[in-house]
Amino acid sequence: MTNHDIAGIVPPMITPFDAEGNVDERLHRAEVRHMLAAKVHGLAVCGSTGEGHALTTDETLRITASTTEEVKGQIPVITGIICNSTQAAIERGRAVADLGVAALQVTPVHYLFRPDDDAMSRHFDRIAQATGLPVIIYNVVPWSYLSPKLLARILRKVNGVIGVKQSASDLKALADLLLLIDSQELRQKGVRILSAVDAFLYPSFSLGAHGAVAAILTAVPECCVELWNAVQEEDHQRAKQLHENLLGLWNAIDHPNLPANVKTALRLQGRDAGFPRAPMPPSSPEQEEAIRQALARGRRAAGCMGGELR
């Protein structure tokens, strides 16, 4: 597969842990199969929704390997890397380099000290060159945030960087970035701009985002595939209805323990997602009830949010 295959609905999968904090590969494989049945267009593992900040290199390798084994080349698989040094990111990328992943999704460093723009560019360049894999920049870390201008510069100058996952609830940055990359040079390169602005997937797609890698996709993949298809078919009435119901669910899960809340949404729909990894707390009773109500409203109004709620 090439980076041109990375488009549409690419859920960032949760990582199921057992009560002792170990990766539960059986549950992970079951969720991969669910995603394939939902007809998603790709999968991302070990990102922030997957608690990638809490994973070891060996766990990243195991999760990626089990995903590609289940997928069998049907859709692209992206591996997330959340590290605080170029060396650590290269180590993790090399660990999965032979597993058939389509790209690495790499955050800037998430610790306190932000590299300057030149160092940031070299960081992604070295990762791409050392791993031999395409890199998608995951623009999410507040104190290491990359402006649309810097992202466009990196996309033009660094051959191995082929896309951006724009997050941080910043639809303006997404819109600016889409304008800046609208050139023959970057179209020929096959640059991918992916939305992680969960509250505004409908306008993201309407503006021309090539797809999405966002937590809400993992919670209700069927609805998000339907939203993507509705926008491609210019069925804006249906797209707006889906947007409103997805926004209601997003408002229920959007808290500092977001991965735990996504797992709760899955469990309420009959998909065992395991536990969050400490110190992340599970959903509170109040959060669980809000998620349950949002799923029920979405099910009644949009008809695509799971089956019988548990």
Protein backbone atom coordinates (compact mmCIF):
# COMPACT_ATOMS: atom_id res chain seq x y z
CA MET A 1 0.00 0.00 0.00
CA THR A 2 1.04 3.62 -0.52
CA ASN A 3 0.19 6.68 1.52
CA HIS A 4 -2.53 7.38 -1.08
CA ASP A 5 -4.47 4.50 0.52
CA ILE A 6 -4.64 6.39 3.85
CA ALA A 7 -8.00 8.13 3.65
CA GLY A 8 -11.50 8.03 5.04
CA ILE A 9 -12.37 6.64 8.46
CA VAL A 10 -9.27 5.41 10.34
CA PRO A 11 -10.24 4.69 13.96
CA PRO A 12 -7.47 5.07 16.56
CA MET A 13 -8.01 1.85 18.44
CA ILE A 14 -8.15 1.53 22.20
CA THR A 15 -5.65 -0.80 23.86
CA PRO A 16 -7.47 -3.30 26.10
CA PHE A 17 -5.72 -3.99 29.41
CA ASP A 18 -6.68 -6.63 31.95
CA ALA A 19 -7.20 -5.85 35.64
CA GLU A 20 -3.45 -6.21 36.27
CA GLY A 21 -2.56 -3.76 33.53
CA ASN A 22 -1.39 -6.28 30.91
CA VAL A 23 -2.31 -5.95 27.24
CA ASP A 24 -5.23 -8.25 26.42
CA GLU A 25 -4.45 -9.38 22.88
CA ARG A 26 -7.60 -11.50 22.61
CA LEU A 27 -9.83 -8.49 23.17
CA HIS A 28 -7.72 -6.40 20.81
CA ARG A 29 -8.06 -8.90 17.98
CA ALA A 30 -11.83 -9.05 18.53
CA GLU A 31 -12.03 -5.27 18.22
CA VAL A 32 -9.97 -5.33 15.01
CA ARG A 33 -12.48 -7.79 13.57
CA HIS A 34 -15.35 -5.53 14.62
CA MET A 35 -13.72 -2.60 12.84
CA LEU A 36 -13.28 -4.61 9.66
CA ALA A 37 -16.96 -5.60 9.80
CA ALA A 38 -17.83 -1.90 10.17
CA LYS A 39 -16.04 -1.29 6.85
CA VAL A 40 -13.58 1.28 8.16
CA HIS A 41 -10.94 2.46 5.71
CA GLY A 42 -7.88 1.96 7.94
CA LEU A 43 -6.78 1.44 11.52
CA ALA A 44 -4.40 3.31 13.82
CA VAL A 45 -2.92 1.66 16.91
CA CYS A 46 -0.88 2.87 19.88
CA GLY A 47 -2.00 6.49 19.57
CA SER A 48 -3.38 8.65 22.37
CA THR A 49 -6.77 6.88 22.36
CA GLY A 50 -4.76 3.66 22.58
CA GLU A 51 -2.83 5.01 25.59
CA GLY A 52 0.34 4.94 23.51
CA HIS A 53 2.09 7.19 26.01
CA ALA A 54 1.88 4.30 28.50
CA LEU A 55 3.08 1.51 26.15
CA THR A 56 6.52 -0.04 25.90
CA THR A 57 8.27 -0.69 22.61
CA ASP A 58 7.61 -4.42 22.98
CA GLU A 59 3.90 -3.80 23.59
CA THR A 60 3.77 -1.51 20.56
CA LEU A 61 5.35 -4.29 18.51
CA ARG A 62 2.88 -6.92 19.78
CA ILE A 63 -0.19 -4.72 19.25
CA THR A 64 0.91 -3.77 15.74
CA ALA A 65 1.72 -7.37 14.83
CA SER A 66 -1.65 -8.69 16.03
CA THR A 67 -3.42 -5.92 14.12
CA THR A 68 -1.67 -6.56 10.81
CA GLU A 69 -2.23 -10.31 11.24
CA GLU A 70 -5.98 -9.77 11.61
CA VAL A 71 -6.18 -7.16 8.83
CA LYS A 72 -4.27 -9.28 6.31
CA GLY A 73 -3.57 -6.30 4.06
CA GLN A 74 -7.23 -5.39 3.53
CA ILE A 75 -6.81 -1.83 4.85
CA PRO A 76 -3.78 0.26 5.89
CA VAL A 77 -2.54 0.09 9.47
CA ILE A 78 -0.81 3.07 11.13
CA THR A 79 1.32 2.72 14.27
CA GLY A 80 1.42 5.57 16.76
CA ILE A 81 4.62 6.72 18.43
CA ILE A 82 4.49 8.99 21.48
CA CYS A 83 8.07 9.50 22.69
CA ASN A 84 10.23 12.28 24.08
CA SER A 85 13.39 11.83 22.02
CA THR A 86 14.30 11.22 18.40
CA GLN A 87 16.27 8.14 19.44
CA ALA A 88 13.30 6.59 21.27
CA ALA A 89 10.97 7.28 18.35
CA ILE A 90 13.42 5.67 15.91
CA GLU A 91 13.73 2.61 18.15
CA ARG A 92 9.97 2.18 18.26
CA GLY A 93 9.56 2.77 14.53
CA ARG A 94 12.25 0.23 13.67
CA ALA A 95 10.53 -2.32 15.89
CA VAL A 96 7.44 -2.29 13.64
CA ALA A 97 9.16 -1.54 10.33
CA ASP A 98 8.85 -5.09 8.99
CA LEU A 99 5.19 -5.58 9.91
CA GLY A 100 3.64 -3.99 6.83
CA VAL A 101 2.43 -0.77 8.42
CA ALA A 102 1.48 2.01 6.02
CA ALA A 103 2.90 4.83 8.15
CA LEU A 104 3.98 5.97 11.58
CA GLN A 105 1.85 8.55 13.41
CA VAL A 106 4.35 10.56 15.47
CA THR A 107 3.72 13.31 18.00
CA PRO A 108 6.18 16.08 18.68
CA VAL A 109 7.81 15.56 22.08
CA HIS A 110 5.19 15.74 24.80
CA TYR A 111 7.46 16.70 27.68
CA LEU A 112 7.96 20.29 28.81
CA PHE A 113 10.70 21.54 26.48
CA ARG A 114 9.74 22.39 22.89
CA PRO A 115 12.38 22.05 20.15
CA ASP A 116 12.70 25.09 17.88
CA ASP A 117 11.29 24.84 14.37
CA ASP A 118 14.54 23.64 12.76
CA ALA A 119 15.03 20.96 15.42
CA MET A 120 11.40 19.92 15.03
CA SER A 121 11.89 19.49 11.28
CA ARG A 122 15.08 17.45 11.82
CA HIS A 123 13.26 15.27 14.36
CA PHE A 124 10.69 14.07 11.85
CA ASP A 125 13.25 13.85 9.05
CA ARG A 126 15.53 11.58 11.08
CA ILE A 127 12.64 9.32 12.10
CA ALA A 128 11.50 8.89 8.49
CA GLN A 129 15.01 8.26 7.20
CA ALA A 130 16.03 5.88 9.99
CA THR A 131 12.87 3.75 9.89
CA GLY A 132 12.23 3.83 6.14
CA LEU A 133 8.54 4.42 6.88
CA PRO A 134 6.29 7.36 5.94
CA VAL A 135 5.55 9.69 8.85
CA ILE A 136 2.29 11.44 9.69
CA ILE A 137 2.75 14.27 12.18
CA TYR A 138 0.22 14.09 15.01
CA ASN A 139 -0.24 17.77 15.85
CA VAL A 140 -1.74 17.60 19.31
CA VAL A 141 0.75 18.51 22.07
CA PRO A 142 -0.10 22.05 23.31
CA TRP A 143 3.44 23.17 24.18
CA SER A 144 4.93 21.49 21.11
CA TYR A 145 2.21 22.70 18.75
CA LEU A 146 3.18 23.12 15.09
CA SER A 147 1.65 26.02 13.16
CA PRO A 148 0.12 25.38 9.72
CA LYS A 149 3.04 27.34 8.22
CA LEU A 150 5.63 25.08 9.88
CA LEU A 151 3.70 21.94 8.96
CA ALA A 152 3.55 23.03 5.32
CA ARG A 153 7.30 23.73 5.40
CA ILE A 154 8.05 20.24 6.77
CA LEU A 155 5.72 18.62 4.24
CA ARG A 156 7.58 20.35 1.41
CA LYS A 157 11.14 19.81 2.63
CA VAL A 158 11.08 16.42 4.36
CA ASN A 159 10.50 13.63 1.87
CA GLY A 160 9.44 11.04 4.42
CA VAL A 161 6.71 13.14 6.03
CA ILE A 162 3.53 12.51 4.07
CA GLY A 163 0.76 13.90 6.21
CA VAL A 164 -0.62 15.60 9.29
CA LYS A 165 -3.21 14.52 11.80
CA GLN A 166 -4.60 17.87 12.96
CA SER A 167 -5.97 17.76 16.48
CA ALA A 168 -6.27 20.05 19.53
CA SER A 169 -9.87 21.00 18.61
CA ASP A 170 -8.43 23.43 16.07
CA LEU A 171 -10.62 23.53 12.97
CA LYS A 172 -9.09 26.88 11.95
CA ALA A 173 -5.63 25.28 11.80
CA LEU A 174 -7.06 22.43 9.74
CA ALA A 175 -8.66 24.86 7.28
CA ASP A 176 -5.43 26.90 7.01
CA LEU A 177 -3.39 23.76 6.49
CA LEU A 178 -5.66 22.54 3.71
CA LEU A 179 -5.15 25.87 1.94
CA LEU A 180 -1.37 25.81 2.39
CA ILE A 181 -0.93 22.30 1.00
CA ASP A 182 -3.10 22.92 -2.06
CA SER A 183 -0.21 22.91 -4.52
CA GLN A 184 0.75 20.66 -7.39
CA GLU A 185 3.98 19.73 -5.60
CA LEU A 186 2.22 18.43 -2.49
CA ARG A 187 -0.65 16.85 -4.43
CA GLN A 188 1.92 14.87 -6.40
CA LYS A 189 3.58 13.85 -3.15
CA GLY A 190 0.22 12.46 -2.00
CA VAL A 191 0.06 14.47 1.21
CA ARG A 192 -2.71 13.40 3.58
CA ILE A 193 -4.41 15.86 5.95
CA LEU A 194 -6.46 13.94 8.51
CA SER A 195 -8.86 15.47 11.01
CA ALA A 196 -8.78 14.69 14.69
CA VAL A 197 -11.23 17.50 15.47
CA ASP A 198 -13.88 15.13 16.80
CA ALA A 199 -16.54 17.79 17.29
CA PHE A 200 -16.30 18.96 13.67
CA LEU A 201 -15.81 15.95 11.45
CA TYR A 202 -18.63 17.04 9.13
CA PRO A 203 -17.06 20.44 8.33
CA SER A 204 -13.61 18.81 8.23
CA PHE A 205 -14.73 16.47 5.46
CA SER A 206 -16.61 19.26 3.69
CA LEU A 207 -13.46 21.40 3.70
CA GLY A 208 -11.53 18.62 1.98
CA ALA A 209 -9.80 16.67 4.76
CA HIS A 210 -8.63 13.36 3.36
CA GLY A 211 -10.12 11.49 6.30
CA ALA A 212 -10.04 11.31 10.08
CA VAL A 213 -8.17 9.58 12.89
CA ALA A 214 -10.23 10.60 15.92
CA ALA A 215 -11.46 8.96 19.12
CA ILE A 216 -15.14 9.27 18.20
CA LEU A 217 -14.47 6.96 15.23
CA THR A 218 -13.47 4.20 17.63
CA ALA A 219 -16.56 4.62 19.78
CA VAL A 220 -19.06 4.43 16.89
CA PRO A 221 -17.27 3.44 13.67
CA GLU A 222 -20.46 2.64 11.75
CA CYS A 223 -21.83 6.17 12.25
CA CYS A 224 -18.54 7.71 11.19
CA VAL A 225 -18.31 5.60 8.03
CA GLU A 226 -21.87 6.68 7.24
CA LEU A 227 -20.94 10.34 7.83
CA TRP A 228 -17.93 10.06 5.51
CA ASN A 229 -20.07 8.45 2.82
CA ALA A 230 -22.81 11.06 3.21
CA VAL A 231 -20.35 13.92 2.66
CA GLN A 232 -18.79 12.19 -0.35
CA GLU A 233 -22.29 11.75 -1.79
CA GLU A 234 -23.22 15.37 -0.90
CA ASP A 235 -26.12 14.18 1.26
CA HIS A 236 -25.76 17.10 3.64
CA GLN A 237 -29.08 16.59 5.40
CA ARG A 238 -28.01 13.14 6.54
CA ALA A 239 -24.49 14.39 7.30
CA LYS A 240 -25.80 17.15 9.55
CA GLN A 241 -28.02 14.70 11.44
CA LEU A 242 -25.07 12.38 12.00
CA HIS A 243 -22.89 15.32 13.05
CA GLU A 244 -25.39 16.40 15.70
CA ASN A 245 -25.55 12.91 17.22
CA LEU A 246 -21.80 12.43 17.10
CA LEU A 247 -21.36 15.80 18.81
CA GLY A 248 -23.66 14.68 21.62
CA LEU A 249 -21.53 11.57 22.18
CA TRP A 250 -18.30 13.56 21.93
CA ASN A 251 -19.51 15.95 24.63
CA ALA A 252 -20.10 12.93 26.88
CA ILE A 253 -16.67 11.31 26.39
CA ASP A 254 -14.46 14.43 26.11
CA HIS A 255 -12.73 14.45 29.49
CA PRO A 256 -9.11 13.98 30.64
CA ASN A 257 -9.79 10.22 30.89
CA LEU A 258 -10.98 10.12 27.25
CA PRO A 259 -9.53 6.65 26.47
CA ALA A 260 -11.36 5.21 29.49
CA ASN A 261 -14.59 6.84 28.32
CA VAL A 262 -14.19 5.40 24.83
CA LYS A 263 -13.79 1.99 26.45
CA THR A 264 -16.99 2.59 28.38
CA ALA A 265 -18.82 3.48 25.16
CA LEU A 266 -17.61 0.24 23.63
CA ARG A 267 -18.65 -1.82 26.65
CA LEU A 268 -22.13 -0.27 26.67
CA GLN A 269 -22.49 -1.43 23.06
CA GLY A 270 -21.40 -4.98 23.87
CA ARG A 271 -17.70 -4.68 22.95
CA ASP A 272 -15.41 -5.65 25.85
CA ALA A 273 -12.61 -3.08 25.87
CA GLY A 274 -10.86 -4.01 29.11
CA PHE A 275 -9.53 -1.47 31.58
CA PRO A 276 -7.53 1.75 31.27
CA ARG A 277 -3.89 1.56 32.40
CA ALA A 278 -3.08 3.22 35.72
CA PRO A 279 -2.96 6.00 36.68
CA MET A 280 -5.81 6.79 34.27
CA PRO A 281 -9.11 6.40 36.15
CA PRO A 282 -12.07 4.53 34.69
CA SER A 283 -15.21 6.40 33.77
CA SER A 284 -17.07 7.76 36.78
CA PRO A 285 -20.71 6.72 37.30
CA GLU A 286 -21.74 10.18 36.09
CA GLN A 287 -19.63 9.88 32.95
CA GLU A 288 -20.98 6.39 32.22
CA GLU A 289 -24.57 7.59 32.52
CA ALA A 290 -23.90 10.55 30.21
CA ILE A 291 -22.33 8.20 27.65
CA ARG A 292 -25.26 5.80 27.93
CA GLN A 293 -27.76 8.61 27.33
CA ALA A 294 -25.79 9.98 24.35
CA LEU A 295 -25.64 6.53 22.76
CA ALA A 296 -29.37 6.03 23.31
CA ARG A 297 -30.20 9.40 21.75
CA GLY A 298 -27.94 8.70 18.80
CA ARG A 299 -29.42 5.27 18.32
CA ARG A 300 -32.95 6.68 18.24
CA ALA A 301 -32.12 9.62 15.97
CA ALA A 302 -29.40 8.29 13.68
CA GLY A 303 -29.89 4.54 13.92
CA CYS A 304 -26.19 3.69 13.83
CA MET A 305 -24.97 3.79 17.42
CA GLY A 306 -24.72 0.16 18.39
CA GLY A 307 -27.36 -2.41 19.19
CA GLU A 308 -29.10 -2.98 22.52
CA LEU A 309 -27.26 -0.99 25.18
CA ARG A 310 -25.81 -3.01 28.04
